[in-house]
PDB file of N, CA and C in Angstrom:
ATOM      1  N   MET A   1      -3.233-136.541 162.403  1.00  0.00           N
ATOM      2  CA  MET A   1      -4.309-135.722 161.875  1.00  0.00           C
ATOM      3  C   MET A   1      -5.387-136.582 161.214  1.00  0.00           C
ATOM      4  N   TRP A   2      -4.976-137.680 160.546  1.00  0.00           N
ATOM      5  CA  TRP A   2      -5.943-138.522 159.856  1.00  0.00           C
ATOM      6  C   TRP A   2      -6.939-139.123 160.832  1.00  0.00           C
ATOM      7  N   GLY A   3      -6.475-139.547 161.999  1.00  0.00           N
ATOM      8  CA  GLY A   3      -7.365-140.132 162.998  1.00  0.00           C
ATOM      9  C   GLY A   3      -8.403-139.149 163.489  1.00  0.00           C
ATOM     10  N   GLU A   4      -7.994-137.882 163.660  1.00  0.00           N
ATOM     11  CA  GLU A   4      -8.937-136.850 164.100  1.00  0.00           C
ATOM     12  C   GLU A   4     -10.013-136.615 163.042  1.00  0.00           C
ATOM     13  N   GLU A   5      -9.594-136.557 161.782  1.00  0.00           N
ATOM     14  CA  GLU A   5     -10.565-136.355 160.706  1.00  0.00           C
ATOM     15  C   GLU A   5     -11.546-137.515 160.625  1.00  0.00           C
ATOM     16  N   LEU A   6     -11.041-138.728 160.788  1.00  0.00           N
ATOM     17  CA  LEU A   6     -11.907-139.904 160.740  1.00  0.00           C
ATOM     18  C   LEU A   6     -12.910-139.873 161.882  1.00  0.00           C
ATOM     19  N   THR A   7     -12.447-139.509 163.083  1.00  0.00           N
ATOM     20  CA  THR A   7     -13.344-139.455 164.240  1.00  0.00           C
ATOM     21  C   THR A   7     -14.440-138.421 164.030  1.00  0.00           C
ATOM     22  N   VAL A   8     -14.072-137.234 163.565  1.00  0.00           N
ATOM     23  CA  VAL A   8     -15.064-136.185 163.313  1.00  0.00           C
ATOM     24  C   VAL A   8     -16.028-136.634 162.224  1.00  0.00           C
ATOM     25  N   ASN A   9     -15.510-137.260 161.187  1.00  0.00           N
ATOM     26  CA  ASN A   9     -16.337-137.753 160.094  1.00  0.00           C
ATOM     27  C   ASN A   9     -17.338-138.795 160.583  1.00  0.00           C
ATOM     28  N   LEU A  10     -16.864-139.793 161.323  1.00  0.00           N
ATOM     29  CA  LEU A  10     -17.746-140.841 161.845  1.00  0.00           C
ATOM     30  C   LEU A  10     -18.797-140.253 162.774  1.00  0.00           C
ATOM     31  N   PHE A  11     -18.385-139.304 163.626  1.00  0.00           N
ATOM     32  CA  PHE A  11     -19.316-138.688 164.571  1.00  0.00           C
ATOM     33  C   PHE A  11     -20.406-137.927 163.828  1.00  0.00           C
ATOM     34  N   GLY A  12     -20.008-137.146 162.818  1.00  0.00           N
ATOM     35  CA  GLY A  12     -20.987-136.380 162.043  1.00  0.00           C
ATOM     36  C   GLY A  12     -21.948-137.267 161.281  1.00  0.00           C
ATOM     37  N   VAL A  13     -21.431-138.311 160.648  1.00  0.00           N
ATOM     38  CA  VAL A  13     -22.281-139.238 159.894  1.00  0.00           C
ATOM     39  C   VAL A  13     -23.240-139.952 160.832  1.00  0.00           C
ATOM     40  N   THR A  14     -22.764-140.331 162.012  1.00  0.00           N
ATOM     41  CA  THR A  14     -23.612-141.037 162.967  1.00  0.00           C
ATOM     42  C   THR A  14     -24.728-140.138 163.476  1.00  0.00           C
ATOM     43  N   LEU A  15     -24.417-138.876 163.779  1.00  0.00           N
ATOM     44  CA  LEU A  15     -25.463-137.957 164.241  1.00  0.00           C
ATOM     45  C   LEU A  15     -26.482-137.672 163.144  1.00  0.00           C
ATOM     46  N   LEU A  16     -26.016-137.425 161.934  1.00  0.00           N
ATOM     47  CA  LEU A  16     -26.939-137.197 160.821  1.00  0.00           C
ATOM     48  C   LEU A  16     -27.792-138.436 160.586  1.00  0.00           C
ATOM     49  N   GLY A  17     -27.162-139.601 160.645  1.00  0.00           N
ATOM     50  CA  GLY A  17     -27.903-140.847 160.472  1.00  0.00           C
ATOM     51  C   GLY A  17     -28.961-141.042 161.535  1.00  0.00           C
ATOM     52  N   SER A  18     -28.658-140.632 162.778  1.00  0.00           N
ATOM     53  CA  SER A  18     -29.635-140.820 163.851  1.00  0.00           C
ATOM     54  C   SER A  18     -30.875-139.963 163.629  1.00  0.00           C
ATOM     55  N   VAL A  19     -30.697-138.781 163.054  1.00  0.00           N
ATOM     56  CA  VAL A  19     -31.853-137.923 162.745  1.00  0.00           C
ATOM     57  C   VAL A  19     -32.713-138.580 161.662  1.00  0.00           C
ATOM     58  N   ILE A  20     -32.067-139.122 160.647  1.00  0.00           N
ATOM     59  CA  ILE A  20     -32.801-139.802 159.572  1.00  0.00           C
ATOM     60  C   ILE A  20     -33.508-141.038 160.112  1.00  0.00           C
ATOM     61  N   VAL A  21     -32.802-141.822 160.925  1.00  0.00           N
ATOM     62  CA  VAL A  21     -33.398-143.028 161.514  1.00  0.00           C
ATOM     63  C   VAL A  21     -34.590-142.653 162.383  1.00  0.00           C
ATOM     64  N   ALA A  22     -34.447-141.611 163.195  1.00  0.00           N
ATOM     65  CA  ALA A  22     -35.548-141.193 164.071  1.00  0.00           C
ATOM     66  C   ALA A  22     -36.784-140.826 163.255  1.00  0.00           C
ATOM     67  N   ALA A  23     -36.590-140.130 162.146  1.00  0.00           N
ATOM     68  CA  ALA A  23     -37.726-139.739 161.309  1.00  0.00           C
ATOM     69  C   ALA A  23     -38.400-140.955 160.679  1.00  0.00           C
ATOM     70  N   VAL A  24     -37.609-141.885 160.175  1.00  0.00           N
ATOM     71  CA  VAL A  24     -38.173-143.080 159.535  1.00  0.00           C
ATOM     72  C   VAL A  24     -38.907-143.944 160.551  1.00  0.00           C
ATOM     73  N   VAL A  25     -38.282-144.170 161.697  1.00  0.00           N
ATOM     74  CA  VAL A  25     -38.892-145.048 162.700  1.00  0.00           C
ATOM     75  C   VAL A  25     -40.115-144.391 163.332  1.00  0.00           C
ATOM     76  N   ALA A  26     -40.137-143.062 163.425  1.00  0.00           N
ATOM     77  CA  ALA A  26     -41.331-142.383 163.947  1.00  0.00           C
ATOM     78  C   ALA A  26     -42.544-142.715 163.074  1.00  0.00           C
ATOM     79  N   LYS A  27     -42.345-142.719 161.760  1.00  0.00           N
ATOM     80  CA  LYS A  27     -43.440-143.092 160.851  1.00  0.00           C
ATOM     81  C   LYS A  27     -43.791-144.568 160.992  1.00  0.00           C
ATOM     82  N   LEU A  28     -42.765-145.427 161.076  1.00  0.00           N
ATOM     83  CA  LEU A  28     -43.020-146.866 161.215  1.00  0.00           C
ATOM     84  C   LEU A  28     -43.766-147.186 162.507  1.00  0.00           C
ATOM     85  N   LYS A  29     -43.427-146.477 163.591  1.00  0.00           N
ATOM     86  CA  LYS A  29     -44.112-146.711 164.871  1.00  0.00           C
ATOM     87  C   LYS A  29     -45.606-146.454 164.748  1.00  0.00           C
ATOM     88  N   VAL A  30     -45.951-145.386 164.051  1.00  0.00           N
ATOM     89  CA  VAL A  30     -47.362-145.038 163.883  1.00  0.00           C
ATOM     90  C   VAL A  30     -48.053-146.058 162.984  1.00  0.00           C
ATOM     91  N   TRP A  31     -47.431-146.399 161.873  1.00  0.00           N
ATOM     92  CA  TRP A  31     -48.044-147.329 160.926  1.00  0.00           C
ATOM     93  C   TRP A  31     -48.193-148.725 161.504  1.00  0.00           C
ATOM     94  N   LEU A  32     -47.150-149.189 162.205  1.00  0.00           N
ATOM     95  CA  LEU A  32     -47.163-150.553 162.737  1.00  0.00           C
ATOM     96  C   LEU A  32     -47.724-150.648 164.157  1.00  0.00           C
ATOM     97  N   LYS A  33     -47.940-149.497 164.795  1.00  0.00           N
ATOM     98  CA  LYS A  33     -48.464-149.430 166.172  1.00  0.00           C
ATOM     99  C   LYS A  33     -47.607-150.268 167.135  1.00  0.00           C
ATOM    100  N   THR A  34     -46.293-150.031 167.102  1.00  0.00           N
ATOM    101  CA  THR A  34     -45.369-150.775 167.960  1.00  0.00           C
ATOM    102  C   THR A  34     -45.012-149.968 169.199  1.00  0.00           C
ATOM    103  N   GLN A  35     -44.508-150.671 170.227  1.00  0.00           N
ATOM    104  CA  GLN A  35     -44.100-150.028 171.480  1.00  0.00           C
ATOM    105  C   GLN A  35     -42.883-150.744 172.048  1.00  0.00           C
ATOM    106  N   GLY A  36     -42.219-150.070 172.990  1.00  0.00           N
ATOM    107  CA  GLY A  36     -41.154-150.686 173.776  1.00  0.00           C
ATOM    108  C   GLY A  36     -39.946-151.131 172.976  1.00  0.00           C
ATOM    109  N   TRP A  37     -39.490-152.341 173.286  1.00  0.00           N
ATOM    110  CA  TRP A  37     -38.253-152.861 172.691  1.00  0.00           C
ATOM    111  C   TRP A  37     -38.377-153.061 171.190  1.00  0.00           C
ATOM    112  N   VAL A  38     -39.592-153.200 170.683  1.00  0.00           N
ATOM    113  CA  VAL A  38     -39.781-153.356 169.234  1.00  0.00           C
ATOM    114  C   VAL A  38     -39.328-152.083 168.517  1.00  0.00           C
ATOM    115  N   ASN A  39     -39.602-150.929 169.124  1.00  0.00           N
ATOM    116  CA  ASN A  39     -39.155-149.666 168.537  1.00  0.00           C
ATOM    117  C   ASN A  39     -37.632-149.577 168.518  1.00  0.00           C
ATOM    118  N   THR A  40     -36.991-150.058 169.581  1.00  0.00           N
ATOM    119  CA  THR A  40     -35.527-150.067 169.619  1.00  0.00           C
ATOM    120  C   THR A  40     -34.978-150.978 168.529  1.00  0.00           C
ATOM    121  N   ALA A  41     -35.573-152.155 168.378  1.00  0.00           N
ATOM    122  CA  ALA A  41     -35.138-153.078 167.327  1.00  0.00           C
ATOM    123  C   ALA A  41     -35.356-152.462 165.945  1.00  0.00           C
ATOM    124  N   LEU A  42     -36.476-151.767 165.769  1.00  0.00           N
ATOM    125  CA  LEU A  42     -36.732-151.078 164.499  1.00  0.00           C
ATOM    126  C   LEU A  42     -35.661-150.025 164.230  1.00  0.00           C
ATOM    127  N   ALA A  43     -35.299-149.260 165.259  1.00  0.00           N
ATOM    128  CA  ALA A  43     -34.285-148.215 165.095  1.00  0.00           C
ATOM    129  C   ALA A  43     -32.946-148.815 164.688  1.00  0.00           C
ATOM    130  N   LEU A  44     -32.565-149.912 165.331  1.00  0.00           N
ATOM    131  CA  LEU A  44     -31.292-150.549 164.991  1.00  0.00           C
ATOM    132  C   LEU A  44     -31.326-151.116 163.568  1.00  0.00           C
ATOM    133  N   ALA A  45     -32.439-151.741 163.194  1.00  0.00           N
ATOM    134  CA  ALA A  45     -32.562-152.323 161.854  1.00  0.00           C
ATOM    135  C   ALA A  45     -32.570-151.238 160.775  1.00  0.00           C
ATOM    136  N   VAL A  46     -33.298-150.161 161.019  1.00  0.00           N
ATOM    137  CA  VAL A  46     -33.333-149.064 160.045  1.00  0.00           C
ATOM    138  C   VAL A  46     -31.951-148.417 159.946  1.00  0.00           C
ATOM    139  N   GLY A  47     -31.257-148.310 161.078  1.00  0.00           N
ATOM    140  CA  GLY A  47     -29.900-147.759 161.054  1.00  0.00           C
ATOM    141  C   GLY A  47     -28.955-148.600 160.218  1.00  0.00           C
ATOM    142  N   VAL A  48     -29.018-149.916 160.392  1.00  0.00           N
ATOM    143  CA  VAL A  48     -28.161-150.810 159.602  1.00  0.00           C
ATOM    144  C   VAL A  48     -28.527-150.715 158.117  1.00  0.00           C
ATOM    145  N   ALA A  49     -29.816-150.643 157.814  1.00  0.00           N
ATOM    146  CA  ALA A  49     -30.243-150.495 156.418  1.00  0.00           C
ATOM    147  C   ALA A  49     -29.721-149.180 155.832  1.00  0.00           C
ATOM    148  N   LEU A  50     -29.756-148.113 156.631  1.00  0.00           N
ATOM    149  CA  LEU A  50     -29.227-146.826 156.185  1.00  0.00           C
ATOM    150  C   LEU A  50     -27.725-146.929 155.915  1.00  0.00           C
ATOM    151  N   GLY A  51     -27.011-147.633 156.784  1.00  0.00           N
ATOM    152  CA  GLY A  51     -25.582-147.851 156.560  1.00  0.00           C
ATOM    153  C   GLY A  51     -25.322-148.592 155.260  1.00  0.00           C
ATOM    154  N   GLY A  52     -26.144-149.595 154.978  1.00  0.00           N
ATOM    155  CA  GLY A  52     -26.012-150.331 153.722  1.00  0.00           C
ATOM    156  C   GLY A  52     -26.275-149.449 152.513  1.00  0.00           C
ATOM    157  N   LEU A  53     -27.269-148.566 152.620  1.00  0.00           N
ATOM    158  CA  LEU A  53     -27.561-147.647 151.517  1.00  0.00           C
ATOM    159  C   LEU A  53     -26.418-146.666 151.292  1.00  0.00           C
ATOM    160  N   VAL A  54     -25.809-146.195 152.383  1.00  0.00           N
ATOM    161  CA  VAL A  54     -24.659-145.292 152.259  1.00  0.00           C
ATOM    162  C   VAL A  54     -23.524-146.000 151.529  1.00  0.00           C
ATOM    163  N   TYR A  55     -23.283-147.255 151.898  1.00  0.00           N
ATOM    164  CA  TYR A  55     -22.227-148.027 151.235  1.00  0.00           C
ATOM    165  C   TYR A  55     -22.516-148.170 149.742  1.00  0.00           C
ATOM    166  N   LEU A  56     -23.753-148.522 149.402  1.00  0.00           N
ATOM    167  CA  LEU A  56     -24.112-148.692 147.989  1.00  0.00           C
ATOM    168  C   LEU A  56     -23.999-147.377 147.215  1.00  0.00           C
ATOM    169  N   ALA A  57     -24.382-146.273 147.862  1.00  0.00           N
ATOM    170  CA  ALA A  57     -24.263-144.966 147.208  1.00  0.00           C
ATOM    171  C   ALA A  57     -22.797-144.633 146.941  1.00  0.00           C
ATOM    172  N   GLU A  58     -21.939-144.874 147.935  1.00  0.00           N
ATOM    173  CA  GLU A  58     -20.514-144.615 147.739  1.00  0.00           C
ATOM    174  C   GLU A  58     -19.930-145.525 146.659  1.00  0.00           C
ATOM    175  N   LEU A  59     -20.366-146.762 146.635  1.00  0.00           N
ATOM    176  CA  LEU A  59     -19.884-147.701 145.621  1.00  0.00           C
ATOM    177  C   LEU A  59     -20.265-147.222 144.220  1.00  0.00           C
ATOM    178  N   GLY A  60     -21.495-146.766 144.078  1.00  0.00           N
ATOM    179  CA  GLY A  60     -21.940-146.232 142.788  1.00  0.00           C
ATOM    180  C   GLY A  60     -21.168-144.993 142.375  1.00  0.00           C
ATOM    181  N   LEU A  61     -20.930-144.086 143.331  1.00  0.00           N
ATOM    182  CA  LEU A  61     -20.163-142.877 143.026  1.00  0.00           C
ATOM    183  C   LEU A  61     -18.720-143.206 142.651  1.00  0.00           C
ATOM    184  N   ALA A  62     -18.152-144.224 143.291  1.00  0.00           N
ATOM    185  CA  ALA A  62     -16.779-144.630 142.970  1.00  0.00           C
ATOM    186  C   ALA A  62     -16.708-145.235 141.569  1.00  0.00           C
ATOM    187  N   GLN A  63     -17.734-145.977 141.183  1.00  0.00           N
ATOM    188  CA  GLN A  63     -17.723-146.612 139.860  1.00  0.00           C
ATOM    189  C   GLN A  63     -17.831-145.599 138.726  1.00  0.00           C
ATOM    190  N   ILE A  64     -18.514-144.486 138.972  1.00  0.00           N
ATOM    191  CA  ILE A  64     -18.598-143.468 137.918  1.00  0.00           C
ATOM    192  C   ILE A  64     -17.491-142.425 138.052  1.00  0.00           C
ATOM    193  N   GLY A  65     -16.593-142.607 139.015  1.00  0.00           N
ATOM    194  CA  GLY A  65     -15.416-141.755 139.137  1.00  0.00           C
ATOM    195  C   GLY A  65     -15.592-140.485 139.939  1.00  0.00           C
ATOM    196  N   MET A  66     -16.678-140.348 140.675  1.00  0.00           N
ATOM    197  CA  MET A  66     -16.887-139.122 141.444  1.00  0.00           C
ATOM    198  C   MET A  66     -16.111-139.115 142.757  1.00  0.00           C
ATOM    199  N   ILE A  67     -15.886-140.278 143.343  1.00  0.00           N
ATOM    200  CA  ILE A  67     -15.047-140.369 144.539  1.00  0.00           C
ATOM    201  C   ILE A  67     -14.009-141.457 144.303  1.00  0.00           C
ATOM    202  N   GLU A  68     -12.889-141.344 145.028  1.00  0.00           N
ATOM    203  CA  GLU A  68     -11.789-142.264 144.777  1.00  0.00           C
ATOM    204  C   GLU A  68     -11.839-143.522 145.620  1.00  0.00           C
ATOM    205  N   GLN A  69     -12.321-143.420 146.845  1.00  0.00           N
ATOM    206  CA  GLN A  69     -12.327-144.608 147.696  1.00  0.00           C
ATOM    207  C   GLN A  69     -13.668-144.767 148.391  1.00  0.00           C
ATOM    208  N   VAL A  70     -13.954-145.993 148.745  1.00  0.00           N
ATOM    209  CA  VAL A  70     -15.221-146.354 149.377  1.00  0.00           C
ATOM    210  C   VAL A  70     -14.904-146.949 150.739  1.00  0.00           C
ATOM    211  N   ILE A  71     -15.709-146.584 151.751  1.00  0.00           N
ATOM    212  CA  ILE A  71     -15.502-147.188 153.065  1.00  0.00           C
ATOM    213  C   ILE A  71     -15.896-148.659 152.999  1.00  0.00           C
ATOM    214  N   PRO A  72     -15.265-149.496 153.794  1.00  0.00           N
ATOM    215  CA  PRO A  72     -15.657-150.913 153.815  1.00  0.00           C
ATOM    216  C   PRO A  72     -17.101-151.082 154.295  1.00  0.00           C
ATOM    217  N   ILE A  73     -17.752-152.131 153.830  1.00  0.00           N
ATOM    218  CA  ILE A  73     -19.156-152.379 154.176  1.00  0.00           C
ATOM    219  C   ILE A  73     -19.350-152.502 155.674  1.00  0.00           C
ATOM    220  N   TRP A  74     -18.421-153.137 156.380  1.00  0.00           N
ATOM    221  CA  TRP A  74     -18.603-153.331 157.823  1.00  0.00           C
ATOM    222  C   TRP A  74     -18.577-152.002 158.562  1.00  0.00           C
ATOM    223  N   ILE A  75     -17.796-151.024 158.094  1.00  0.00           N
ATOM    224  CA  ILE A  75     -17.798-149.706 158.744  1.00  0.00           C
ATOM    225  C   ILE A  75     -19.131-149.012 158.498  1.00  0.00           C
ATOM    226  N   ALA A  76     -19.660-149.109 157.286  1.00  0.00           N
ATOM    227  CA  ALA A  76     -20.952-148.491 156.976  1.00  0.00           C
ATOM    228  C   ALA A  76     -22.061-149.096 157.830  1.00  0.00           C
ATOM    229  N   LEU A  77     -22.049-150.416 158.009  1.00  0.00           N
ATOM    230  CA  LEU A  77     -23.087-151.068 158.813  1.00  0.00           C
ATOM    231  C   LEU A  77     -22.950-150.713 160.288  1.00  0.00           C
ATOM    232  N   ILE A  78     -21.719-150.610 160.787  1.00  0.00           N
ATOM    233  CA  ILE A  78     -21.517-150.215 162.190  1.00  0.00           C
ATOM    234  C   ILE A  78     -21.969-148.773 162.400  1.00  0.00           C
ATOM    235  N   GLN A  79     -21.664-147.883 161.453  1.00  0.00           N
ATOM    236  CA  GLN A  79     -22.144-146.501 161.551  1.00  0.00           C
ATOM    237  C   GLN A  79     -23.666-146.472 161.627  1.00  0.00           C
ATOM    238  N   GLY A  80     -24.307-147.243 160.773  1.00  0.00           N
ATOM    239  CA  GLY A  80     -25.771-147.300 160.786  1.00  0.00           C
ATOM    240  C   GLY A  80     -26.310-147.852 162.085  1.00  0.00           C
ATOM    241  N   PHE A  81     -25.655-148.884 162.619  1.00  0.00           N
ATOM    242  CA  PHE A  81     -26.086-149.479 163.889  1.00  0.00           C
ATOM    243  C   PHE A  81     -26.004-148.454 165.011  1.00  0.00           C
ATOM    244  N   PHE A  82     -24.901-147.698 165.063  1.00  0.00           N
ATOM    245  CA  PHE A  82     -24.764-146.673 166.096  1.00  0.00           C
ATOM    246  C   PHE A  82     -25.766-145.545 165.893  1.00  0.00           C
ATOM    247  N   SER A  83     -26.073-145.213 164.642  1.00  0.00           N
ATOM    248  CA  SER A  83     -27.100-144.203 164.375  1.00  0.00           C
ATOM    249  C   SER A  83     -28.441-144.651 164.937  1.00  0.00           C
ATOM    250  N   GLY A  84     -28.776-145.924 164.740  1.00  0.00           N
ATOM    251  CA  GLY A  84     -30.019-146.464 165.296  1.00  0.00           C
ATOM    252  C   GLY A  84     -30.002-146.459 166.810  1.00  0.00           C
ATOM    253  N   GLY A  85     -28.866-146.780 167.406  1.00  0.00           N
ATOM    254  CA  GLY A  85     -28.746-146.763 168.867  1.00  0.00           C
ATOM    255  C   GLY A  85     -28.904-145.370 169.440  1.00  0.00           C
ATOM    256  N   ILE A  86     -28.309-144.378 168.776  1.00  0.00           N
ATOM    257  CA  ILE A  86     -28.450-142.992 169.237  1.00  0.00           C
ATOM    258  C   ILE A  86     -29.902-142.553 169.129  1.00  0.00           C
ATOM    259  N   ALA A  87     -30.550-142.878 168.020  1.00  0.00           N
ATOM    260  CA  ALA A  87     -31.956-142.500 167.844  1.00  0.00           C
ATOM    261  C   ALA A  87     -32.824-143.131 168.926  1.00  0.00           C
ATOM    262  N   ALA A  88     -32.601-144.408 169.214  1.00  0.00           N
ATOM    263  CA  ALA A  88     -33.386-145.087 170.249  1.00  0.00           C
ATOM    264  C   ALA A  88     -33.124-144.473 171.616  1.00  0.00           C
ATOM    265  N   GLY A  89     -31.875-144.131 171.901  1.00  0.00           N
ATOM    266  CA  GLY A  89     -31.542-143.499 173.178  1.00  0.00           C
ATOM    267  C   GLY A  89     -32.169-142.127 173.324  1.00  0.00           C
ATOM    268  N   LEU A  90     -32.195-141.368 172.239  1.00  0.00           N
ATOM    269  CA  LEU A  90     -32.815-140.044 172.290  1.00  0.00           C
ATOM    270  C   LEU A  90     -34.314-140.142 172.547  1.00  0.00           C
ATOM    271  N   TRP A  91     -34.984-141.130 171.931  1.00  0.00           N
ATOM    272  CA  TRP A  91     -36.413-141.310 172.190  1.00  0.00           C
ATOM    273  C   TRP A  91     -36.660-141.618 173.651  1.00  0.00           C
ATOM    274  N   LYS A  92     -35.850-142.526 174.198  1.00  0.00           N
ATOM    275  CA  LYS A  92     -36.038-142.925 175.591  1.00  0.00           C
ATOM    276  C   LYS A  92     -35.817-141.734 176.515  1.00  0.00           C
ATOM    277  N   ALA A  93     -34.783-140.942 176.246  1.00  0.00           N
ATOM    278  CA  ALA A  93     -34.509-139.765 177.072  1.00  0.00           C
ATOM    279  C   ALA A  93     -35.641-138.748 176.961  1.00  0.00           C
ATOM    280  N   ALA A  94     -36.129-138.523 175.749  1.00  0.00           N
ATOM    281  CA  ALA A  94     -37.224-137.567 175.559  1.00  0.00           C
ATOM    282  C   ALA A  94     -38.489-138.040 176.262  1.00  0.00           C
ATOM    283  N   ARG A  95     -38.772-139.330 176.179  1.00  0.00           N
ATOM    284  CA  ARG A  95     -39.957-139.877 176.838  1.00  0.00           C
ATOM    285  C   ARG A  95     -39.840-139.761 178.351  1.00  0.00           C
ATOM    286  N   THR A  96     -38.647-140.019 178.876  1.00  0.00           N
ATOM    287  CA  THR A  96     -38.423-139.920 180.315  1.00  0.00           C
ATOM    288  C   THR A  96     -38.579-138.481 180.781  1.00  0.00           C
ATOM    289  N   LEU A  97     -37.985-137.537 180.040  1.00  0.00           N
ATOM    290  CA  LEU A  97     -38.094-136.128 180.413  1.00  0.00           C
ATOM    291  C   LEU A  97     -39.527-135.627 180.280  1.00  0.00           C
ATOM    292  N   ALA A  98     -40.235-136.067 179.263  1.00  0.00           N
ATOM    293  CA  ALA A  98     -41.624-135.643 179.074  1.00  0.00           C
ATOM    294  C   ALA A  98     -42.509-136.178 180.193  1.00  0.00           C
ATOM    295  N   GLY A  99     -42.184-137.351 180.712  1.00  0.00           N
ATOM    296  CA  GLY A  99     -42.973-137.936 181.793  1.00  0.00           C
ATOM    297  C   GLY A  99     -42.778-137.238 183.121  1.00  0.00           C
ATOM    298  N   LYS A 100     -41.658-136.552 183.308  1.00  0.00           N
ATOM    299  CA  LYS A 100     -41.370-135.872 184.568  1.00  0.00           C
ATOM    300  C   LYS A 100     -41.993-134.494 184.636  1.00  0.00           C
ATOM    301  N   ARG A 101     -42.513-133.997 183.548  1.00  0.00           N
ATOM    302  CA  ARG A 101     -43.107-132.653 183.540  1.00  0.00           C
ATOM    303  C   ARG A 101     -44.524-132.677 183.995  1.00  0.00           C
TER     304      ARG A 101
END
């Protein structure tokens, strides 16, 4: 049962993270006027940064006693990386579908 809960948890966090990453990178794309692979790199970097922020937030909550355990930093960074990858993939799919109409 623990493995199922972990999988659902990771999946939910990754999907939520991808929405946040997509919103942040959409603004960065406009401000920086970037295109192509640079946007993908931005999505991955923002995702990893988001993972780091999640880790720091959990660490802070654990120190004040609100939660009992904190995920390891490498899991938080991998979650963020996958969130960035999902966001980049969704942009590419949306752009491809929009071009076919």
